[in-house]
Protein backbone atom coordinates (compact mmCIF):
# COMPACT_ATOMS: atom_id res chain seq x y z
CA UNK A 1 9.40 29.91 -27.11
CA UNK A 2 7.03 27.65 -24.67
CA UNK A 3 9.22 24.73 -23.59
CA UNK A 4 8.14 21.31 -22.64
CA UNK A 5 10.39 18.93 -21.14
CA UNK A 6 9.65 15.18 -21.57
CA UNK A 7 11.40 12.80 -18.96
CA UNK A 8 11.60 9.42 -20.14
CA UNK A 9 11.49 9.92 -24.09
CA UNK A 10 12.70 6.45 -24.75
CA UNK A 11 9.90 4.68 -23.43
CA UNK A 12 6.36 4.36 -25.28
CA UNK A 13 4.54 6.96 -23.38
CA UNK A 14 7.64 9.51 -23.46
CA UNK A 15 8.30 8.95 -27.00
CA UNK A 16 4.80 9.45 -28.20
CA UNK A 17 4.65 12.55 -25.89
CA UNK A 18 7.71 14.09 -27.43
CA UNK A 19 6.36 13.56 -30.84
CA UNK A 20 3.02 14.78 -30.37
CA UNK A 21 4.14 18.06 -28.31
CA UNK A 22 6.61 18.75 -31.14
CA UNK A 23 3.79 18.32 -33.77
CA UNK A 24 1.89 20.90 -31.57
CA UNK A 25 4.32 23.48 -32.51
CA UNK A 26 6.10 23.55 -28.96
CA UNK A 27 9.67 23.71 -28.35
CA UNK A 28 9.97 19.94 -26.82
CA UNK A 29 13.33 18.61 -25.36
CA UNK A 30 13.27 14.94 -24.17
CA UNK A 31 15.43 12.97 -22.11
CA UNK A 32 16.59 9.41 -21.84
CA UNK A 33 18.77 7.55 -19.20
CA UNK A 34 20.14 4.19 -20.75
CA UNK A 35 18.40 3.86 -24.34
CA UNK A 36 19.54 6.64 -26.67
CA UNK A 37 16.95 9.00 -28.41
CA UNK A 38 18.10 10.86 -31.33
CA UNK A 39 18.13 14.73 -30.40
CA UNK A 40 17.42 13.90 -26.54
CA UNK A 41 19.50 14.78 -23.41
CA UNK A 42 20.82 12.05 -21.12
CA UNK A 43 19.27 12.54 -17.61
CA UNK A 44 19.38 10.13 -14.53
CA UNK A 45 16.72 11.49 -12.43
CA UNK A 46 18.15 9.73 -9.24
CA UNK A 47 20.66 12.60 -9.40
CA UNK A 48 19.25 15.64 -7.92
CA UNK A 49 21.95 17.91 -9.39
CA UNK A 50 21.56 16.68 -12.99
CA UNK A 51 17.86 17.39 -12.68
CA UNK A 52 18.24 20.55 -11.26
CA UNK A 53 20.59 21.83 -13.95
CA UNK A 54 18.51 20.72 -16.84
CA UNK A 55 15.39 22.24 -15.58
CA UNK A 56 17.05 25.46 -14.56
CA UNK A 57 18.68 25.63 -18.01
CA UNK A 58 15.51 25.04 -20.12
CA UNK A 59 12.95 26.64 -17.75
CA UNK A 60 10.07 24.60 -19.23
CA UNK A 61 6.31 25.72 -18.78
CA UNK A 62 5.44 21.86 -18.48
CA UNK A 63 7.42 18.89 -17.24
CA UNK A 64 6.04 15.55 -18.19
CA UNK A 65 7.59 12.55 -15.81
CA UNK A 66 6.92 9.58 -17.85
CA UNK A 67 10.47 7.92 -16.80
CA UNK A 68 10.04 5.14 -13.92
CA UNK A 69 11.34 1.51 -13.29
CA UNK A 70 8.07 0.02 -14.06
CA UNK A 71 8.62 -3.89 -14.13
CA UNK A 72 6.78 -4.91 -11.19
CA UNK A 73 8.53 -8.15 -10.32
CA UNK A 74 11.90 -6.42 -10.67
CA UNK A 75 10.66 -3.84 -8.23
CA UNK A 76 9.48 -6.73 -5.92
CA UNK A 77 12.97 -8.13 -5.98
CA UNK A 78 15.05 -4.74 -6.03
CA UNK A 79 12.92 -2.50 -3.86
CA UNK A 80 15.82 -0.04 -3.26
CA UNK A 81 16.89 0.33 -6.88
CA UNK A 82 12.94 1.06 -7.77
CA UNK A 83 12.48 3.30 -4.84
CA UNK A 84 15.70 5.36 -5.98
CA UNK A 85 14.14 6.02 -9.43
CA UNK A 86 10.19 5.96 -8.66
CA UNK A 87 10.28 7.88 -5.33
CA UNK A 88 13.52 9.69 -5.16
CA UNK A 89 13.57 10.44 -8.84
CA UNK A 90 10.09 11.95 -8.49
CA UNK A 91 10.97 14.26 -5.63
CA UNK A 92 14.08 15.57 -7.49
CA UNK A 93 11.93 16.28 -10.65
CA UNK A 94 9.30 17.95 -8.09
CA UNK A 95 12.10 20.15 -6.45
CA UNK A 96 13.15 21.27 -9.86
CA UNK A 97 9.74 22.11 -11.46
CA UNK A 98 8.63 23.87 -8.70
CA UNK A 99 11.70 26.26 -8.48
CA UNK A 100 11.03 26.74 -12.18
CA UNK A 101 7.56 27.41 -11.78
CA UNK A 102 6.63 24.67 -14.25
CA UNK A 103 3.48 22.21 -14.37
CA UNK A 104 4.30 18.66 -13.25
CA UNK A 105 2.28 15.83 -15.40
CA UNK A 106 3.27 12.80 -13.63
CA UNK A 107 2.15 9.36 -15.12
CA UNK A 108 1.05 6.81 -12.41
CA UNK A 109 -0.80 3.47 -12.59
CA UNK A 110 -3.79 1.38 -11.27
CA UNK A 111 -1.43 -0.65 -9.40
CA UNK A 112 -1.93 1.80 -6.62
CA UNK A 113 -5.42 -0.13 -6.33
CA UNK A 114 -5.76 -3.73 -4.75
CA UNK A 115 -7.81 -4.88 -7.88
CA UNK A 116 -10.50 -6.32 -5.47
CA UNK A 117 -13.31 -4.21 -6.90
CA UNK A 118 -12.29 -2.39 -10.09
CA UNK A 119 -12.82 -0.48 -12.03
CA UNK A 120 -12.04 2.58 -10.02
CA UNK A 121 -12.49 6.04 -9.66
CA UNK A 122 -10.13 8.55 -8.99
CA UNK A 123 -11.34 9.19 -5.50
CA UNK A 124 -11.55 5.37 -4.58
CA UNK A 125 -9.42 3.82 -1.68
CA UNK A 126 -5.71 3.38 -2.58
CA UNK A 127 -4.26 0.09 -1.19
CA UNK A 128 -1.10 -1.08 -3.38
CA UNK A 129 -0.39 -4.81 -2.94
CA UNK A 130 2.89 -4.97 -4.70
CA UNK A 131 6.20 -2.89 -4.10
CA UNK A 132 5.91 -1.17 -7.34
CA UNK A 133 2.16 0.03 -6.61
CA UNK A 134 3.61 1.10 -3.26
CA UNK A 135 5.98 3.25 -4.67
CA UNK A 136 3.94 4.94 -7.31
CA UNK A 137 1.53 5.98 -4.41
CA UNK A 138 4.43 7.24 -2.35
CA UNK A 139 5.27 9.35 -5.46
CA UNK A 140 1.76 10.45 -5.75
CA UNK A 141 1.28 11.63 -2.22
CA UNK A 142 4.64 13.52 -2.36
CA UNK A 143 3.50 15.34 -5.58
CA UNK A 144 0.14 16.17 -4.23
CA UNK A 145 1.79 17.64 -1.07
CA UNK A 146 4.50 19.53 -2.58
CA UNK A 147 3.71 20.44 -5.95
CA UNK A 148 1.90 23.87 -6.84
CA UNK A 149 0.78 22.98 -10.21
CA UNK A 150 0.33 19.08 -11.31
CA UNK A 151 -1.77 16.36 -12.81
CA UNK A 152 -1.58 13.09 -11.91
CA UNK A 153 -2.32 10.70 -15.00
CA UNK A 154 -3.11 7.14 -13.89
CA UNK A 155 -2.91 4.87 -16.83
CA UNK A 156 -2.60 0.88 -17.48
CA UNK A 157 -1.90 -1.73 -20.25
CA UNK A 158 -0.43 1.00 -22.54
CA UNK A 159 0.24 -0.25 -25.80
CA UNK A 160 1.48 1.11 -29.42
CA UNK A 161 4.39 1.10 -31.65
CA UNK A 162 7.72 1.68 -29.83
CA UNK A 163 11.38 1.30 -30.35
CA UNK A 164 12.14 -0.96 -27.21
CA UNK A 165 8.97 -3.20 -28.24
CA UNK A 166 8.41 -3.72 -24.13
CA UNK A 167 4.77 -3.09 -24.21
CA UNK A 168 2.29 -6.33 -24.08
CA UNK A 169 1.23 -6.22 -27.67
CA UNK A 170 4.45 -5.46 -29.25
CA UNK A 171 5.89 -8.50 -27.20
CA UNK A 172 2.95 -10.58 -28.19
CA UNK A 173 3.26 -9.95 -32.01
CA UNK A 174 7.03 -10.76 -31.81
CA UNK A 175 6.21 -13.93 -30.21
CA UNK A 176 3.15 -14.95 -32.41
CA UNK A 177 5.16 -14.09 -35.47
CA UNK A 178 7.88 -16.55 -34.43
CA UNK A 179 5.46 -19.44 -34.22
CA UNK A 180 5.88 -19.39 -30.51
CA UNK A 181 3.09 -19.91 -27.77
CA UNK A 182 2.35 -17.13 -25.45
CA UNK A 183 0.66 -17.59 -22.02
CA UNK A 184 -2.15 -14.84 -21.11
CA UNK A 185 -3.74 -14.69 -17.79
CA UNK A 186 -7.48 -15.01 -17.71
CA UNK A 187 -7.93 -13.31 -14.67
CA UNK A 188 -6.02 -10.20 -15.00
CA UNK A 189 -8.70 -7.71 -15.97
CA UNK A 190 -7.68 -4.07 -16.94
CA UNK A 191 -8.28 -0.99 -19.27
CA UNK A 192 -5.84 -1.38 -22.31
CA UNK A 193 -4.80 2.15 -23.48
CA UNK A 194 -3.53 3.17 -26.96
CA UNK A 195 -0.69 5.29 -26.44
CA UNK A 196 -1.45 7.87 -28.94
CA UNK A 197 -5.09 8.40 -27.55
CA UNK A 198 -3.52 8.77 -23.94
CA UNK A 199 -1.08 11.59 -25.08
CA UNK A 200 -4.03 13.23 -27.06
CA UNK A 201 -5.88 13.35 -23.82
CA UNK A 202 -3.03 14.33 -21.50
CA UNK A 203 -2.31 17.25 -23.81
CA UNK A 204 -5.80 18.13 -23.69
CA UNK A 205 -5.56 18.48 -19.87
CA UNK A 206 -2.59 20.54 -20.00
CA UNK A 207 -4.48 23.01 -22.56
CA UNK A 208 -7.32 23.10 -20.06
CA UNK A 209 -4.98 23.80 -17.05
CA UNK A 210 -6.25 20.51 -15.32
CA UNK A 211 -5.21 19.98 -11.72
CA UNK A 212 -5.16 16.96 -9.76
CA UNK A 213 -5.72 13.16 -10.60
CA UNK A 214 -7.17 11.76 -13.79
CA UNK A 215 -7.78 8.38 -14.97
CA UNK A 216 -6.93 8.21 -18.39
CA UNK A 217 -7.58 4.59 -20.18
CA UNK A 218 -9.26 2.96 -22.79
CA UNK A 219 -13.13 2.83 -22.03
CA UNK A 220 -13.31 -0.92 -22.02
CA UNK A 221 -12.16 -3.66 -19.66
CA UNK A 222 -11.07 -7.04 -20.68
CA UNK A 223 -8.85 -9.79 -19.58
CA UNK A 224 -5.28 -10.04 -20.75
CA UNK A 225 -6.16 -13.36 -22.38
CA UNK A 226 -8.92 -11.69 -24.52
CA UNK A 227 -7.10 -8.80 -25.25
CA UNK A 228 -4.29 -10.80 -26.55
CA UNK A 229 -6.67 -12.91 -28.85
CA UNK A 230 -8.13 -9.65 -30.18
CA UNK A 231 -4.75 -8.62 -31.08
CA UNK A 232 -3.87 -11.64 -32.73
CA UNK A 233 -7.08 -11.21 -34.99
CA UNK A 234 -6.30 -7.68 -35.74
CA UNK A 235 -2.94 -8.42 -36.99
CA UNK A 236 -3.71 -11.83 -38.84
CA UNK A 237 -1.78 -14.06 -36.45
CA UNK A 238 -2.77 -17.40 -34.73
CA UNK A 239 -4.97 -17.12 -31.92
CA UNK A 240 -4.27 -20.80 -31.44
CA UNK A 241 -0.77 -20.02 -29.99
CA UNK A 242 -2.25 -18.05 -27.03
CA UNK A 243 -2.69 -20.30 -24.11
CA UNK A 244 -5.25 -19.22 -21.34
CA UNK A 245 -3.67 -19.36 -17.66
CA UNK A 246 -4.25 -18.13 -14.37
CA UNK A 247 -2.11 -15.76 -12.54
CA UNK A 248 -1.19 -18.42 -10.05
CA UNK A 249 0.08 -20.59 -12.89
CA UNK A 250 2.27 -17.68 -14.29
CA UNK A 251 4.19 -17.56 -10.90
CA UNK A 252 4.70 -14.02 -11.30
CA UNK A 253 6.57 -12.49 -8.44
CA UNK A 254 5.05 -9.25 -7.42
CA UNK A 255 1.00 -9.67 -6.62
CA UNK A 256 -1.03 -8.20 -9.49
CA UNK A 257 -4.24 -6.30 -8.72
CA UNK A 258 -6.63 -8.55 -10.85
CA UNK A 259 -10.06 -7.14 -11.01
CA UNK A 260 -8.55 -3.65 -11.84
CA UNK A 261 -9.17 -0.99 -14.72
CA UNK A 262 -10.32 2.49 -14.17
CA UNK A 263 -13.20 4.65 -15.06
CA UNK A 264 -12.82 7.66 -17.15
CA UNK A 265 -16.17 9.75 -16.43
CA UNK A 266 -13.69 12.44 -15.06
CA UNK A 267 -11.59 13.05 -18.26
CA UNK A 268 -14.29 12.50 -20.59
CA UNK A 269 -16.04 15.29 -19.06
CA UNK A 270 -13.19 17.74 -18.76
CA UNK A 271 -12.16 17.31 -22.20
CA UNK A 272 -15.55 16.35 -24.11
CA UNK A 273 -13.67 13.76 -25.85
CA UNK A 274 -13.94 9.90 -25.66
CA UNK A 275 -11.11 7.54 -25.18
CA UNK A 276 -10.72 4.31 -27.62
CA UNK A 277 -11.83 0.69 -26.54
CA UNK A 278 -9.22 -2.02 -27.08
CA UNK A 279 -10.69 -3.21 -30.24
CA UNK A 280 -10.58 0.18 -31.86
CA UNK A 281 -7.32 1.01 -30.38
CA UNK A 282 -5.75 -2.34 -31.93
CA UNK A 283 -7.38 -1.45 -35.43
CA UNK A 284 -6.02 1.87 -35.34
CA UNK A 285 -2.43 0.67 -34.40
CA UNK A 286 -2.46 -1.56 -37.22
CA UNK A 287 -3.21 1.22 -39.56
CA UNK A 288 -0.61 3.71 -38.04
CA UNK A 289 1.73 0.81 -38.62
CA UNK A 290 5.31 0.95 -37.36
CA UNK A 291 6.57 4.18 -39.31
CA UNK A 292 5.23 6.02 -35.67
CA UNK A 293 7.85 4.00 -33.54
């Protein structure tokens, strides 16, 4: 049977991928590192022998690399640790996928741009301003140089139901339900992306034998502050608890690309499908409820 390997199935994107690939009728195998997922295999992508052994055993047709050390502030403070996962780990997966003759689907970010002139197209100048963005760009370059069959999926502000509740919307909902205030930056502009819609597009790219880099994000740009306010409205929570601040006031460790987000003309033309804006995405998330998590 055609096997699809989802590396990083404990996260939001990986978990949704594993679910969707399984529902599509493929033999799907997921992995996790530290947060166990029922039926998934434990894997440390920093260990080339572990990665090589698992891929050689499964001989997948497609490998989805959704695992990453994605906390930008943590990567800024611990660059060697971030590099070991985000760069060395990616190289290990590339080597194993090539040996197996598998297609690699790699998840990247708009942090590979500097955020001075967004929204960005795939061919725009790559100029990361933080350690996490630099590591993802190094990984992208390695894939484009050494991978025979690949898709690089750049996405951003991905939200939806997930076990770990790490994404912006889940954290916001948990905070507001407790009656606590939440600070949201008015000057960080991006393209919020509903995870199931992202995965639908990614599986479409795989089915269409796409190659190269694609931006797969929601079709609307918005500030984190306005996005938070819309989430509060959709879920019937208090907008008054959301405090507008500037990025400077948040004192975040890693520099953020402020005027960011991405354009999706390329993926929409390839798939003949639209991607949800943040308003429709949030309403869809509310309807989907947490049984999806």
